[in-house]
Amino acid sequence: MHAEAEAERLVCLGMSALNLEEDDLSRMIKSAPAKYAIAWLVRKHTSVRTRWIKDRLQMGSATNFSDYLLRIETARKSAWGHAELCRIKGTKLPRR
């Protein structure tokens, strides 16, 4: 339960860094770079299950989830997901 609370906090921080509202998640495609940037943040800092992340961010089955996380983490400037991940990484993660 503690991990899910921390994951939810990080989702909110990530959404704030990307100027997203909750309703935006349902309007975005399932493989949107913004969703993967937030997923990267949650995965990096919590131990929640992948299923929790995919459900919370409305990513569907996301069969290539780990591949996309690696892709976004290693993205070069102007590549898919680079801008979103930079905004996420630039966010100061306040302690609880």
C-alpha atoms as a PDB file:
ATOM      1  CA  MET A   1       0.000   0.000   0.000  1.00  0.00           C
ATOM      2  CA  HIS A   2       2.877   2.389   0.783  1.00  0.00           C
ATOM      3  CA  ALA A   3       4.384   1.867  -2.687  1.00  0.00           C
ATOM      4  CA  GLU A   4       1.071   2.676  -4.371  1.00  0.00           C
ATOM      5  CA  ALA A   5       0.708   5.888  -2.373  1.00  0.00           C
ATOM      6  CA  GLU A   6       4.210   6.953  -3.413  1.00  0.00           C
ATOM      7  CA  ALA A   7       3.507   5.951  -7.014  1.00  0.00           C
ATOM      8  CA  GLU A   8       0.335   8.037  -7.025  1.00  0.00           C
ATOM      9  CA  ARG A   9       2.281  11.005  -5.655  1.00  0.00           C
ATOM     10  CA  LEU A  10       4.829  10.625  -8.459  1.00  0.00           C
ATOM     11  CA  VAL A  11       2.102  10.347 -11.090  1.00  0.00           C
ATOM     12  CA  CYS A  12       0.687  13.648  -9.842  1.00  0.00           C
ATOM     13  CA  LEU A  13       4.138  15.267  -9.886  1.00  0.00           C
ATOM     14  CA  GLY A  14       4.791  13.992 -13.396  1.00  0.00           C
ATOM     15  CA  MET A  15       1.450  15.179 -14.663  1.00  0.00           C
ATOM     16  CA  SER A  16       2.093  18.587 -13.136  1.00  0.00           C
ATOM     17  CA  ALA A  17       5.545  18.794 -14.759  1.00  0.00           C
ATOM     18  CA  LEU A  18       3.955  18.032 -18.126  1.00  0.00           C
ATOM     19  CA  ASN A  19       0.984  20.339 -17.550  1.00  0.00           C
ATOM     20  CA  LEU A  20      -1.485  17.467 -17.783  1.00  0.00           C
ATOM     21  CA  GLU A  21      -4.866  17.068 -16.144  1.00  0.00           C
ATOM     22  CA  GLU A  22      -6.435  13.750 -15.218  1.00  0.00           C
ATOM     23  CA  ASP A  23      -8.840  13.963 -18.180  1.00  0.00           C
ATOM     24  CA  ASP A  24      -5.910  14.301 -20.584  1.00  0.00           C
ATOM     25  CA  LEU A  25      -4.885  10.687 -19.956  1.00  0.00           C
ATOM     26  CA  SER A  26      -8.048   9.311 -21.534  1.00  0.00           C
ATOM     27  CA  ARG A  27      -7.667  11.581 -24.573  1.00  0.00           C
ATOM     28  CA  MET A  28      -4.035  10.640 -25.241  1.00  0.00           C
ATOM     29  CA  ILE A  29      -2.988   7.615 -27.240  1.00  0.00           C
ATOM     30  CA  LYS A  30      -1.933   4.664 -25.114  1.00  0.00           C
ATOM     31  CA  SER A  31       1.700   4.944 -26.213  1.00  0.00           C
ATOM     32  CA  ALA A  32       2.006   8.707 -25.720  1.00  0.00           C
ATOM     33  CA  PRO A  33       5.520   9.821 -24.768  1.00  0.00           C
ATOM     34  CA  ALA A  34       4.113  11.786 -21.822  1.00  0.00           C
ATOM     35  CA  LYS A  35       2.585   8.615 -20.387  1.00  0.00           C
ATOM     36  CA  TYR A  36       5.876   6.761 -20.748  1.00  0.00           C
ATOM     37  CA  ALA A  37       7.810   9.605 -19.150  1.00  0.00           C
ATOM     38  CA  ILE A  38       5.526   9.412 -16.121  1.00  0.00           C
ATOM     39  CA  ALA A  39       5.722   5.607 -16.157  1.00  0.00           C
ATOM     40  CA  TRP A  40       9.526   5.888 -16.187  1.00  0.00           C
ATOM     41  CA  LEU A  41       9.406   8.150 -13.118  1.00  0.00           C
ATOM     42  CA  VAL A  42       7.138   5.781 -11.211  1.00  0.00           C
ATOM     43  CA  ARG A  43       9.092   2.683 -12.226  1.00  0.00           C
ATOM     44  CA  LYS A  44      12.416   4.308 -11.293  1.00  0.00           C
ATOM     45  CA  HIS A  45      11.325   5.353  -7.802  1.00  0.00           C
ATOM     46  CA  THR A  46       8.809   2.734  -6.625  1.00  0.00           C
ATOM     47  CA  SER A  47       8.235  -0.976  -6.596  1.00  0.00           C
ATOM     48  CA  VAL A  48       4.643  -0.953  -7.838  1.00  0.00           C
ATOM     49  CA  ARG A  49       3.714  -3.564 -10.381  1.00  0.00           C
ATOM     50  CA  THR A  50       3.781  -2.749 -14.054  1.00  0.00           C
ATOM     51  CA  ARG A  51       0.065  -3.522 -14.215  1.00  0.00           C
ATOM     52  CA  TRP A  52      -0.634  -0.745 -11.684  1.00  0.00           C
ATOM     53  CA  ILE A  53       1.287   1.778 -13.792  1.00  0.00           C
ATOM     54  CA  LYS A  54      -0.415   0.741 -17.026  1.00  0.00           C
ATOM     55  CA  ASP A  55      -3.859   0.876 -15.439  1.00  0.00           C
ATOM     56  CA  ARG A  56      -3.265   4.190 -13.702  1.00  0.00           C
ATOM     57  CA  LEU A  57      -1.944   5.890 -16.840  1.00  0.00           C
ATOM     58  CA  GLN A  58      -4.566   4.253 -19.089  1.00  0.00           C
ATOM     59  CA  MET A  59      -1.966   2.569 -21.275  1.00  0.00           C
ATOM     60  CA  GLY A  60      -3.916  -0.550 -22.148  1.00  0.00           C
ATOM     61  CA  SER A  61      -1.954  -3.772 -22.310  1.00  0.00           C
ATOM     62  CA  ALA A  62       1.252  -1.956 -23.359  1.00  0.00           C
ATOM     63  CA  THR A  63       2.893  -5.188 -24.463  1.00  0.00           C
ATOM     64  CA  ASN A  64       6.241  -3.527 -25.155  1.00  0.00           C
ATOM     65  CA  PHE A  65       6.250  -1.599 -21.896  1.00  0.00           C
ATOM     66  CA  SER A  66       9.860  -2.251 -20.866  1.00  0.00           C
ATOM     67  CA  ASP A  67      11.089  -1.609 -24.416  1.00  0.00           C
ATOM     68  CA  TYR A  68       9.360   1.780 -24.463  1.00  0.00           C
ATOM     69  CA  LEU A  69      10.784   2.663 -21.038  1.00  0.00           C
ATOM     70  CA  LEU A  70      14.277   1.898 -22.313  1.00  0.00           C
ATOM     71  CA  ARG A  71      13.573   3.814 -25.506  1.00  0.00           C
ATOM     72  CA  ILE A  72      12.471   6.915 -23.627  1.00  0.00           C
ATOM     73  CA  GLU A  73      15.344   6.685 -21.141  1.00  0.00           C
ATOM     74  CA  THR A  74      17.915   6.567 -23.925  1.00  0.00           C
ATOM     75  CA  ALA A  75      16.216   9.009 -26.295  1.00  0.00           C
ATOM     76  CA  ARG A  76      18.475  11.595 -27.871  1.00  0.00           C
ATOM     77  CA  LYS A  77      17.543  15.212 -28.388  1.00  0.00           C
ATOM     78  CA  SER A  78      14.477  15.604 -30.650  1.00  0.00           C
ATOM     79  CA  ALA A  79      13.746  11.847 -30.535  1.00  0.00           C
ATOM     80  CA  TRP A  80      10.482  10.304 -29.345  1.00  0.00           C
ATOM     81  CA  GLY A  81       9.965  11.079 -25.671  1.00  0.00           C
ATOM     82  CA  HIS A  82      13.121  13.112 -25.097  1.00  0.00           C
ATOM     83  CA  ALA A  83      11.356  16.412 -24.358  1.00  0.00           C
ATOM     84  CA  GLU A  84       8.854  14.800 -22.006  1.00  0.00           C
ATOM     85  CA  LEU A  85      11.519  12.904 -20.080  1.00  0.00           C
ATOM     86  CA  CYS A  86      13.640  16.055 -19.758  1.00  0.00           C
ATOM     87  CA  ARG A  87      10.693  17.853 -18.194  1.00  0.00           C
ATOM     88  CA  ILE A  88      10.132  14.948 -15.814  1.00  0.00           C
ATOM     89  CA  LYS A  89      13.819  14.751 -14.872  1.00  0.00           C
ATOM     90  CA  GLY A  90      13.907  18.502 -14.344  1.00  0.00           C
ATOM     91  CA  THR A  91      11.229  18.224 -11.678  1.00  0.00           C
ATOM     92  CA  LYS A  92      12.523  18.402  -8.157  1.00  0.00           C
ATOM     93  CA  LEU A  93      11.068  15.454  -6.319  1.00  0.00           C
ATOM     94  CA  PRO A  94      10.059  16.819  -2.925  1.00  0.00           C
ATOM     95  CA  ARG A  95      10.324  14.465  -0.011  1.00  0.00           C
ATOM     96  CA  ARG A  96       7.123  13.449   1.661  1.00  0.00           C
END
